[in-house]
PDB file of N, CA and C in Angstrom:
ATOM      1  N   GLY A   1      26.356  44.572  26.748  1.00  0.00           N
ATOM      2  CA  GLY A   1      27.290  45.633  26.494  1.00  0.00           C
ATOM      3  C   GLY A   1      26.956  46.888  27.287  1.00  0.00           C
ATOM      4  N   ARG A   2      27.750  47.908  27.080  1.00  0.00           N
ATOM      5  CA  ARG A   2      27.558  49.184  27.779  1.00  0.00           C
ATOM      6  C   ARG A   2      26.930  50.193  26.827  1.00  0.00           C
ATOM      7  N   VAL A   3      26.003  50.979  27.374  1.00  0.00           N
ATOM      8  CA  VAL A   3      25.318  52.008  26.580  1.00  0.00           C
ATOM      9  C   VAL A   3      26.238  53.209  26.428  1.00  0.00           C
ATOM     10  N   PHE A   4      26.416  53.698  25.186  1.00  0.00           N
ATOM     11  CA  PHE A   4      27.231  54.893  24.970  1.00  0.00           C
ATOM     12  C   PHE A   4      26.427  56.036  24.365  1.00  0.00           C
ATOM     13  N   ASN A   5      25.215  55.766  23.856  1.00  0.00           N
ATOM     14  CA  ASN A   5      24.429  56.812  23.223  1.00  0.00           C
ATOM     15  C   ASN A   5      22.950  56.449  23.301  1.00  0.00           C
ATOM     16  N   VAL A   6      22.112  57.449  23.535  1.00  0.00           N
ATOM     17  CA  VAL A   6      20.667  57.225  23.572  1.00  0.00           C
ATOM     18  C   VAL A   6      20.016  58.209  22.621  1.00  0.00           C
ATOM     19  N   THR A   7      19.215  57.683  21.688  1.00  0.00           N
ATOM     20  CA  THR A   7      18.459  58.532  20.776  1.00  0.00           C
ATOM     21  C   THR A   7      16.970  58.265  20.989  1.00  0.00           C
ATOM     22  N   LYS A   8      16.142  58.885  20.141  1.00  0.00           N
ATOM     23  CA  LYS A   8      14.707  58.765  20.315  1.00  0.00           C
ATOM     24  C   LYS A   8      14.212  57.323  20.142  1.00  0.00           C
ATOM     25  N   HIS A   9      14.740  56.621  19.157  1.00  0.00           N
ATOM     26  CA  HIS A   9      14.253  55.275  18.837  1.00  0.00           C
ATOM     27  C   HIS A   9      15.271  54.180  19.084  1.00  0.00           C
ATOM     28  N   ALA A  10      16.518  54.524  19.370  1.00  0.00           N
ATOM     29  CA  ALA A  10      17.553  53.487  19.480  1.00  0.00           C
ATOM     30  C   ALA A  10      18.520  53.796  20.610  1.00  0.00           C
ATOM     31  N   VAL A  11      19.322  52.803  20.930  1.00  0.00           N
ATOM     32  CA  VAL A  11      20.331  52.922  21.978  1.00  0.00           C
ATOM     33  C   VAL A  11      21.650  52.440  21.396  1.00  0.00           C
ATOM     34  N   GLY A  12      22.709  53.230  21.570  1.00  0.00           N
ATOM     35  CA  GLY A  12      24.034  52.824  21.119  1.00  0.00           C
ATOM     36  C   GLY A  12      24.689  51.976  22.195  1.00  0.00           C
ATOM     37  N   VAL A  13      25.155  50.789  21.803  1.00  0.00           N
ATOM     38  CA  VAL A  13      25.728  49.834  22.760  1.00  0.00           C
ATOM     39  C   VAL A  13      27.107  49.412  22.272  1.00  0.00           C
ATOM     40  N   VAL A  14      28.061  49.334  23.199  1.00  0.00           N
ATOM     41  CA  VAL A  14      29.399  48.824  22.886  1.00  0.00           C
ATOM     42  C   VAL A  14      29.436  47.371  23.310  1.00  0.00           C
ATOM     43  N   VAL A  15      29.692  46.477  22.354  1.00  0.00           N
ATOM     44  CA  VAL A  15      29.826  45.046  22.652  1.00  0.00           C
ATOM     45  C   VAL A  15      31.202  44.576  22.207  1.00  0.00           C
ATOM     46  N   ASN A  16      31.699  43.524  22.831  1.00  0.00           N
ATOM     47  CA  ASN A  16      32.998  42.962  22.469  1.00  0.00           C
ATOM     48  C   ASN A  16      32.800  41.804  21.510  1.00  0.00           C
ATOM     49  N   LYS A  17      33.505  41.856  20.361  1.00  0.00           N
ATOM     50  CA  LYS A  17      33.433  40.801  19.362  1.00  0.00           C
ATOM     51  C   LYS A  17      34.797  40.143  19.262  1.00  0.00           C
ATOM     52  N   ARG A  18      34.833  38.826  19.339  1.00  0.00           N
ATOM     53  CA  ARG A  18      36.103  38.107  19.244  1.00  0.00           C
ATOM     54  C   ARG A  18      36.389  37.825  17.778  1.00  0.00           C
ATOM     55  N   VAL A  19      37.527  38.351  17.305  1.00  0.00           N
ATOM     56  CA  VAL A  19      37.956  38.136  15.924  1.00  0.00           C
ATOM     57  C   VAL A  19      39.332  37.510  15.981  1.00  0.00           C
ATOM     58  N   ARG A  20      39.410  36.223  15.596  1.00  0.00           N
ATOM     59  CA  ARG A  20      40.642  35.438  15.703  1.00  0.00           C
ATOM     60  C   ARG A  20      41.169  35.501  17.120  1.00  0.00           C
ATOM     61  N   GLY A  21      42.325  36.113  17.356  1.00  0.00           N
ATOM     62  CA  GLY A  21      42.877  36.127  18.699  1.00  0.00           C
ATOM     63  C   GLY A  21      42.590  37.393  19.477  1.00  0.00           C
ATOM     64  N   ARG A  22      41.889  38.338  18.850  1.00  0.00           N
ATOM     65  CA  ARG A  22      41.688  39.635  19.500  1.00  0.00           C
ATOM     66  C   ARG A  22      40.229  39.837  19.876  1.00  0.00           C
ATOM     67  N   ILE A  23      39.985  40.761  20.777  1.00  0.00           N
ATOM     68  CA  ILE A  23      38.625  41.164  21.127  1.00  0.00           C
ATOM     69  C   ILE A  23      38.469  42.624  20.717  1.00  0.00           C
ATOM     70  N   LEU A  24      37.571  42.866  19.768  1.00  0.00           N
ATOM     71  CA  LEU A  24      37.371  44.211  19.237  1.00  0.00           C
ATOM     72  C   LEU A  24      36.073  44.808  19.792  1.00  0.00           C
ATOM     73  N   PRO A  25      36.123  46.036  20.312  1.00  0.00           N
ATOM     74  CA  PRO A  25      34.870  46.672  20.734  1.00  0.00           C
ATOM     75  C   PRO A  25      34.099  47.164  19.503  1.00  0.00           C
ATOM     76  N   LYS A  26      32.833  46.784  19.410  1.00  0.00           N
ATOM     77  CA  LYS A  26      31.988  47.193  18.284  1.00  0.00           C
ATOM     78  C   LYS A  26      30.882  48.086  18.822  1.00  0.00           C
ATOM     79  N   ARG A  27      30.570  49.145  18.094  1.00  0.00           N
ATOM     80  CA  ARG A  27      29.490  50.051  18.482  1.00  0.00           C
ATOM     81  C   ARG A  27      28.269  49.742  17.622  1.00  0.00           C
ATOM     82  N   LEU A  28      27.191  49.339  18.271  1.00  0.00           N
ATOM     83  CA  LEU A  28      25.968  48.969  17.567  1.00  0.00           C
ATOM     84  C   LEU A  28      24.835  49.887  18.003  1.00  0.00           C
ATOM     85  N   ASN A  29      23.974  50.251  17.064  1.00  0.00           N
ATOM     86  CA  ASN A  29      22.763  50.990  17.391  1.00  0.00           C
ATOM     87  C   ASN A  29      21.606  50.002  17.354  1.00  0.00           C
ATOM     88  N   ILE A  30      21.006  49.785  18.518  1.00  0.00           N
ATOM     89  CA  ILE A  30      19.958  48.785  18.668  1.00  0.00           C
ATOM     90  C   ILE A  30      18.663  49.488  19.051  1.00  0.00           C
ATOM     91  N   ARG A  31      17.567  49.060  18.412  1.00  0.00           N
ATOM     92  CA  ARG A  31      16.274  49.677  18.719  1.00  0.00           C
ATOM     93  C   ARG A  31      15.844  49.338  20.135  1.00  0.00           C
ATOM     94  N   VAL A  32      15.038  50.230  20.698  1.00  0.00           N
ATOM     95  CA  VAL A  32      14.638  50.130  22.104  1.00  0.00           C
ATOM     96  C   VAL A  32      13.862  48.842  22.381  1.00  0.00           C
ATOM     97  N   GLU A  33      13.117  48.339  21.398  1.00  0.00           N
ATOM     98  CA  GLU A  33      12.313  47.127  21.598  1.00  0.00           C
ATOM     99  C   GLU A  33      13.188  45.919  21.916  1.00  0.00           C
ATOM    100  N   HIS A  34      14.442  45.936  21.459  1.00  0.00           N
ATOM    101  CA  HIS A  34      15.324  44.777  21.611  1.00  0.00           C
ATOM    102  C   HIS A  34      16.228  44.868  22.831  1.00  0.00           C
ATOM    103  N   ILE A  35      16.114  45.932  23.597  1.00  0.00           N
ATOM    104  CA  ILE A  35      16.976  46.125  24.763  1.00  0.00           C
ATOM    105  C   ILE A  35      16.323  45.505  25.992  1.00  0.00           C
ATOM    106  N   LYS A  36      17.120  44.764  26.766  1.00  0.00           N
ATOM    107  CA  LYS A  36      16.639  44.190  28.019  1.00  0.00           C
ATOM    108  C   LYS A  36      17.646  44.547  29.101  1.00  0.00           C
ATOM    109  N   HIS A  37      17.165  45.052  30.226  1.00  0.00           N
ATOM    110  CA  HIS A  37      18.053  45.471  31.295  1.00  0.00           C
ATOM    111  C   HIS A  37      18.684  44.256  31.943  1.00  0.00           C
ATOM    112  N   SER A  38      19.947  44.383  32.318  1.00  0.00           N
ATOM    113  CA  SER A  38      20.679  43.292  32.950  1.00  0.00           C
ATOM    114  C   SER A  38      20.224  43.097  34.393  1.00  0.00           C
ATOM    115  N   ASN A  39      20.166  41.834  34.820  1.00  0.00           N
ATOM    116  CA  ASN A  39      19.788  41.521  36.198  1.00  0.00           C
ATOM    117  C   ASN A  39      21.013  41.282  37.073  1.00  0.00           C
ATOM    118  N   CYS A  40      22.202  41.503  36.539  1.00  0.00           N
ATOM    119  CA  CYS A  40      23.435  41.254  37.274  1.00  0.00           C
ATOM    120  C   CYS A  40      23.481  42.076  38.556  1.00  0.00           C
ATOM    121  N   ARG A  41      23.187  43.353  38.450  1.00  0.00           N
ATOM    122  CA  ARG A  41      23.241  44.238  39.615  1.00  0.00           C
ATOM    123  C   ARG A  41      22.180  43.850  40.640  1.00  0.00           C
ATOM    124  N   LEU A  42      20.978  43.476  40.163  1.00  0.00           N
ATOM    125  CA  LEU A  42      19.907  43.075  41.078  1.00  0.00           C
ATOM    126  C   LEU A  42      20.298  41.821  41.854  1.00  0.00           C
ATOM    127  N   ASP A  43      20.912  40.848  41.173  1.00  0.00           N
ATOM    128  CA  ASP A  43      21.365  39.625  41.836  1.00  0.00           C
ATOM    129  C   ASP A  43      22.416  39.952  42.896  1.00  0.00           C
ATOM    130  N   PHE A  44      23.324  40.866  42.548  1.00  0.00           N
ATOM    131  CA  PHE A  44      24.376  41.262  43.491  1.00  0.00           C
ATOM    132  C   PHE A  44      23.766  41.904  44.735  1.00  0.00           C
ATOM    133  N   LEU A  45      22.816  42.834  44.553  1.00  0.00           N
ATOM    134  CA  LEU A  45      22.190  43.508  45.684  1.00  0.00           C
ATOM    135  C   LEU A  45      21.398  42.532  46.550  1.00  0.00           C
ATOM    136  N   LYS A  46      20.738  41.570  45.909  1.00  0.00           N
ATOM    137  CA  LYS A  46      19.996  40.554  46.649  1.00  0.00           C
ATOM    138  C   LYS A  46      20.945  39.713  47.498  1.00  0.00           C
ATOM    139  N   ARG A  47      22.074  39.338  46.913  1.00  0.00           N
ATOM    140  CA  ARG A  47      23.060  38.532  47.638  1.00  0.00           C
ATOM    141  C   ARG A  47      23.650  39.309  48.814  1.00  0.00           C
ATOM    142  N   MET A  48      23.913  40.622  48.608  1.00  0.00           N
ATOM    143  CA  MET A  48      24.456  41.451  49.681  1.00  0.00           C
ATOM    144  C   MET A  48      23.463  41.569  50.843  1.00  0.00           C
ATOM    145  N   LYS A  49      22.184  41.717  50.521  1.00  0.00           N
ATOM    146  CA  LYS A  49      21.150  41.825  51.559  1.00  0.00           C
ATOM    147  C   LYS A  49      21.085  40.540  52.376  1.00  0.00           C
ATOM    148  N   GLU A  50      21.118  39.386  51.683  1.00  0.00           N
ATOM    149  CA  GLU A  50      21.093  38.096  52.376  1.00  0.00           C
ATOM    150  C   GLU A  50      22.328  37.932  53.256  1.00  0.00           C
ATOM    151  N   ASN A  51      23.490  38.362  52.748  1.00  0.00           N
ATOM    152  CA  ASN A  51      24.729  38.254  53.525  1.00  0.00           C
ATOM    153  C   ASN A  51      24.672  39.112  54.782  1.00  0.00           C
ATOM    154  N   GLU A  52      24.090  40.318  54.670  1.00  0.00           N
ATOM    155  CA  GLU A  52      23.968  41.191  55.837  1.00  0.00           C
ATOM    156  C   GLU A  52      23.081  40.546  56.901  1.00  0.00           C
ATOM    157  N   GLU A  53      21.985  39.913  56.463  1.00  0.00           N
ATOM    158  CA  GLU A  53      21.101  39.225  57.404  1.00  0.00           C
ATOM    159  C   GLU A  53      21.832  38.080  58.092  1.00  0.00           C
ATOM    160  N   LYS A  54      22.594  37.308  57.317  1.00  0.00           N
ATOM    161  CA  LYS A  54      23.360  36.195  57.887  1.00  0.00           C
ATOM    162  C   LYS A  54      24.389  36.703  58.883  1.00  0.00           C
ATOM    163  N   LYS A  55      25.045  37.838  58.540  1.00  0.00           N
ATOM    164  CA  LYS A  55      26.064  38.406  59.429  1.00  0.00           C
ATOM    165  C   LYS A  55      25.466  38.847  60.758  1.00  0.00           C
ATOM    166  N   THR A  56      24.347  39.573  60.708  1.00  0.00           N
ATOM    167  CA  THR A  56      23.730  40.058  61.944  1.00  0.00           C
ATOM    168  C   THR A  56      23.242  38.898  62.803  1.00  0.00           C
ATOM    169  N   GLN A  57      22.701  37.870  62.157  1.00  0.00           N
ATOM    170  CA  GLN A  57      22.239  36.692  62.893  1.00  0.00           C
ATOM    171  C   GLN A  57      23.415  35.959  63.534  1.00  0.00           C
ATOM    172  N   ALA A  58      24.532  35.850  62.819  1.00  0.00           N
ATOM    173  CA  ALA A  58      25.717  35.171  63.350  1.00  0.00           C
ATOM    174  C   ALA A  58      26.320  35.968  64.508  1.00  0.00           C
ATOM    175  N   ARG A  59      26.325  37.293  64.415  1.00  0.00           N
ATOM    176  CA  ARG A  59      26.854  38.129  65.498  1.00  0.00           C
ATOM    177  C   ARG A  59      26.013  37.969  66.759  1.00  0.00           C
ATOM    178  N   ALA A  60      24.700  37.886  66.578  1.00  0.00           N
ATOM    179  CA  ALA A  60      23.806  37.733  67.722  1.00  0.00           C
ATOM    180  C   ALA A  60      24.035  36.393  68.417  1.00  0.00           C
ATOM    181  N   GLU A  61      24.324  35.358  67.628  1.00  0.00           N
ATOM    182  CA  GLU A  61      24.560  34.026  68.188  1.00  0.00           C
ATOM    183  C   GLU A  61      26.010  33.836  68.611  1.00  0.00           C
ATOM    184  N   GLY A  62      26.887  34.756  68.231  1.00  0.00           N
ATOM    185  CA  GLY A  62      28.295  34.682  68.617  1.00  0.00           C
ATOM    186  C   GLY A  62      29.083  33.626  67.862  1.00  0.00           C
ATOM    187  N   ARG A  63      28.770  33.450  66.612  1.00  0.00           N
ATOM    188  CA  ARG A  63      29.530  32.488  65.790  1.00  0.00           C
ATOM    189  C   ARG A  63      29.974  33.155  64.502  1.00  0.00           C
ATOM    190  N   LYS A  64      30.867  32.452  63.764  1.00  0.00           N
ATOM    191  CA  LYS A  64      31.393  32.963  62.502  1.00  0.00           C
ATOM    192  C   LYS A  64      30.663  32.291  61.352  1.00  0.00           C
ATOM    193  N   VAL A  65      30.411  33.040  60.307  1.00  0.00           N
ATOM    194  CA  VAL A  65      29.706  32.476  59.156  1.00  0.00           C
ATOM    195  C   VAL A  65      30.519  32.767  57.891  1.00  0.00           C
ATOM    196  N   ASN A  66      30.518  31.792  56.966  1.00  0.00           N
ATOM    197  CA  ASN A  66      31.223  31.949  55.694  1.00  0.00           C
ATOM    198  C   ASN A  66      30.253  32.516  54.664  1.00  0.00           C
ATOM    199  N   LEU A  67      30.562  33.705  54.121  1.00  0.00           N
ATOM    200  CA  LEU A  67      29.662  34.373  53.175  1.00  0.00           C
ATOM    201  C   LEU A  67      30.105  34.225  51.724  1.00  0.00           C
ATOM    202  N   LYS A  68      31.193  33.494  51.490  1.00  0.00           N
ATOM    203  CA  LYS A  68      31.689  33.346  50.123  1.00  0.00           C
ATOM    204  C   LYS A  68      30.798  32.383  49.339  1.00  0.00           C
ATOM    205  N   ARG A  69      30.664  32.649  48.047  1.00  0.00           N
ATOM    206  CA  ARG A  69      29.912  31.749  47.185  1.00  0.00           C
ATOM    207  C   ARG A  69      30.734  30.488  46.950  1.00  0.00           C
ATOM    208  N   GLN A  70      30.099  29.339  47.040  1.00  0.00           N
ATOM    209  CA  GLN A  70      30.780  28.064  46.851  1.00  0.00           C
ATOM    210  C   GLN A  70      30.336  27.449  45.528  1.00  0.00           C
ATOM    211  N   PRO A  71      31.282  26.867  44.775  1.00  0.00           N
ATOM    212  CA  PRO A  71      30.886  26.209  43.528  1.00  0.00           C
ATOM    213  C   PRO A  71      30.099  24.936  43.830  1.00  0.00           C
ATOM    214  N   LEU A  72      29.221  24.556  42.902  1.00  0.00           N
ATOM    215  CA  LEU A  72      28.464  23.325  43.077  1.00  0.00           C
ATOM    216  C   LEU A  72      29.415  22.146  42.961  1.00  0.00           C
ATOM    217  N   GLY A  73      29.322  21.242  43.893  1.00  0.00           N
ATOM    218  CA  GLY A  73      30.176  20.060  43.874  1.00  0.00           C
ATOM    219  C   GLY A  73      29.617  19.016  42.920  1.00  0.00           C
ATOM    220  N   PRO A  74      30.308  17.871  42.808  1.00  0.00           N
ATOM    221  CA  PRO A  74      29.784  16.811  41.948  1.00  0.00           C
ATOM    222  C   PRO A  74      28.494  16.226  42.523  1.00  0.00           C
ATOM    223  N   ARG A  75      27.650  15.730  41.652  1.00  0.00           N
ATOM    224  CA  ARG A  75      26.391  15.130  42.107  1.00  0.00           C
ATOM    225  C   ARG A  75      26.664  13.832  42.851  1.00  0.00           C
ATOM    226  N   SER A  76      25.794  13.505  43.782  1.00  0.00           N
ATOM    227  CA  SER A  76      25.987  12.289  44.564  1.00  0.00           C
ATOM    228  C   SER A  76      25.718  11.059  43.699  1.00  0.00           C
ATOM    229  N   ALA A  77      26.333   9.937  44.090  1.00  0.00           N
ATOM    230  CA  ALA A  77      26.191   8.691  43.337  1.00  0.00           C
ATOM    231  C   ALA A  77      24.786   8.135  43.502  1.00  0.00           C
ATOM    232  N   HIS A  78      24.279   7.500  42.463  1.00  0.00           N
ATOM    233  CA  HIS A  78      22.966   6.869  42.531  1.00  0.00           C
ATOM    234  C   HIS A  78      22.897   5.739  41.517  1.00  0.00           C
ATOM    235  N   PHE A  79      21.961   4.823  41.728  1.00  0.00           N
ATOM    236  CA  PHE A  79      21.757   3.709  40.817  1.00  0.00           C
ATOM    237  C   PHE A  79      20.671   4.081  39.818  1.00  0.00           C
ATOM    238  N   VAL A  80      20.862   3.657  38.570  1.00  0.00           N
ATOM    239  CA  VAL A  80      19.868   3.882  37.530  1.00  0.00           C
ATOM    240  C   VAL A  80      19.146   2.573  37.297  1.00  0.00           C
ATOM    241  N   SER A  81      17.842   2.581  37.484  1.00  0.00           N
ATOM    242  CA  SER A  81      17.053   1.375  37.317  1.00  0.00           C
ATOM    243  C   SER A  81      16.821   1.099  35.836  1.00  0.00           C
ATOM    244  N   ALA A  82      16.979  -0.166  35.445  1.00  0.00           N
ATOM    245  CA  ALA A  82      16.752  -0.561  34.054  1.00  0.00           C
ATOM    246  C   ALA A  82      15.434  -1.309  33.916  1.00  0.00           C
ATOM    247  N   LYS A  83      14.585  -1.253  34.950  1.00  0.00           N
ATOM    248  CA  LYS A  83      13.324  -1.990  34.940  1.00  0.00           C
ATOM    249  C   LYS A  83      12.390  -1.477  33.844  1.00  0.00           C
ATOM    250  N   ASN A  84      12.066  -0.187  33.876  1.00  0.00           N
ATOM    251  CA  ASN A  84      11.201   0.416  32.852  1.00  0.00           C
ATOM    252  C   ASN A  84      12.002   1.279  31.883  1.00  0.00           C
ATOM    253  N   ASN A  85      13.320   1.145  31.930  1.00  0.00           N
ATOM    254  CA  ASN A  85      14.204   1.981  31.124  1.00  0.00           C
ATOM    255  C   ASN A  85      15.212   1.069  30.429  1.00  0.00           C
ATOM    256  N   ALA A  86      14.810   0.518  29.290  1.00  0.00           N
ATOM    257  CA  ALA A  86      15.673  -0.432  28.591  1.00  0.00           C
ATOM    258  C   ALA A  86      16.928   0.265  28.087  1.00  0.00           C
ATOM    259  N   PRO A  87      18.099  -0.386  28.211  1.00  0.00           N
ATOM    260  CA  PRO A  87      19.335   0.219  27.701  1.00  0.00           C
ATOM    261  C   PRO A  87      19.262   0.401  26.185  1.00  0.00           C
ATOM    262  N   GLN A  88      19.815   1.511  25.701  1.00  0.00           N
ATOM    263  CA  GLN A  88      19.805   1.802  24.273  1.00  0.00           C
ATOM    264  C   GLN A  88      21.213   1.704  23.733  1.00  0.00           C
ATOM    265  N   MET A  89      21.337   1.150  22.538  1.00  0.00           N
ATOM    266  CA  MET A  89      22.640   1.036  21.911  1.00  0.00           C
ATOM    267  C   MET A  89      22.947   2.350  21.200  1.00  0.00           C
ATOM    268  N   VAL A  90      24.073   2.962  21.499  1.00  0.00           N
ATOM    269  CA  VAL A  90      24.456   4.215  20.876  1.00  0.00           C
ATOM    270  C   VAL A  90      25.589   3.930  19.912  1.00  0.00           C
ATOM    271  N   GLU A  91      25.352   4.234  18.643  1.00  0.00           N
ATOM    272  CA  GLU A  91      26.379   4.014  17.625  1.00  0.00           C
ATOM    273  C   GLU A  91      26.239   5.060  16.533  1.00  0.00           C
ATOM    274  N   PRO A  92      27.300   5.350  15.813  1.00  0.00           N
ATOM    275  CA  PRO A  92      27.217   6.377  14.768  1.00  0.00           C
ATOM    276  C   PRO A  92      26.342   5.920  13.599  1.00  0.00           C
ATOM    277  N   ILE A  93      25.798   6.904  12.890  1.00  0.00           N
ATOM    278  CA  ILE A  93      24.978   6.601  11.716  1.00  0.00           C
ATOM    279  C   ILE A  93      25.918   6.265  10.568  1.00  0.00           C
ATOM    280  N   ARG A  94      25.609   5.167   9.857  1.00  0.00           N
ATOM    281  CA  ARG A  94      26.455   4.731   8.747  1.00  0.00           C
ATOM    282  C   ARG A  94      26.395   5.731   7.596  1.00  0.00           C
ATOM    283  N   TYR A  95      27.519   5.911   6.932  1.00  0.00           N
ATOM    284  CA  TYR A  95      27.584   6.778   5.770  1.00  0.00           C
ATOM    285  C   TYR A  95      27.044   6.035   4.556  1.00  0.00           C
ATOM    286  N   GLU A  96      26.088   6.652   3.858  1.00  0.00           N
ATOM    287  CA  GLU A  96      25.531   6.039   2.654  1.00  0.00           C
ATOM    288  C   GLU A  96      25.854   6.934   1.468  1.00  0.00           C
ATOM    289  N   PHE A  97      26.471   6.330   0.476  1.00  0.00           N
ATOM    290  CA  PHE A  97      26.806   7.085  -0.731  1.00  0.00           C
ATOM    291  C   PHE A  97      25.610   7.053  -1.669  1.00  0.00           C
ATOM    292  N   ILE A  98      25.078   8.237  -1.991  1.00  0.00           N
ATOM    293  CA  ILE A  98      23.929   8.320  -2.896  1.00  0.00           C
ATOM    294  C   ILE A  98      24.412   8.979  -4.184  1.00  0.00           C
ATOM    295  N   ALA A  99      24.287   8.231  -5.313  1.00  0.00           N
ATOM    296  CA  ALA A  99      24.772   8.752  -6.587  1.00  0.00           C
ATOM    297  C   ALA A  99      23.634   9.152  -7.491  1.00  0.00           C
TER     298      ALA A  99
END
């Protein structure tokens, strides 16, 4: 969430809570011991630095480079060995009535 207030022992944070079909902003006062800084901005800056390096290297070589993030594709096909890995039967647990 976003910080809206800072006191001596706590930090006021606005978080979004989903209630049925709506999202309500809630204001919470959380003690400093429980606060952890987000790494989102650090990841973004790291990615930008890497992209700048790739761009300068591509310009020097005279080629074009794609800097967009790509989603992970499906995993490649492989065979599963059953030599030391016996197949297991998967079935639901039977309901037992205990009176």
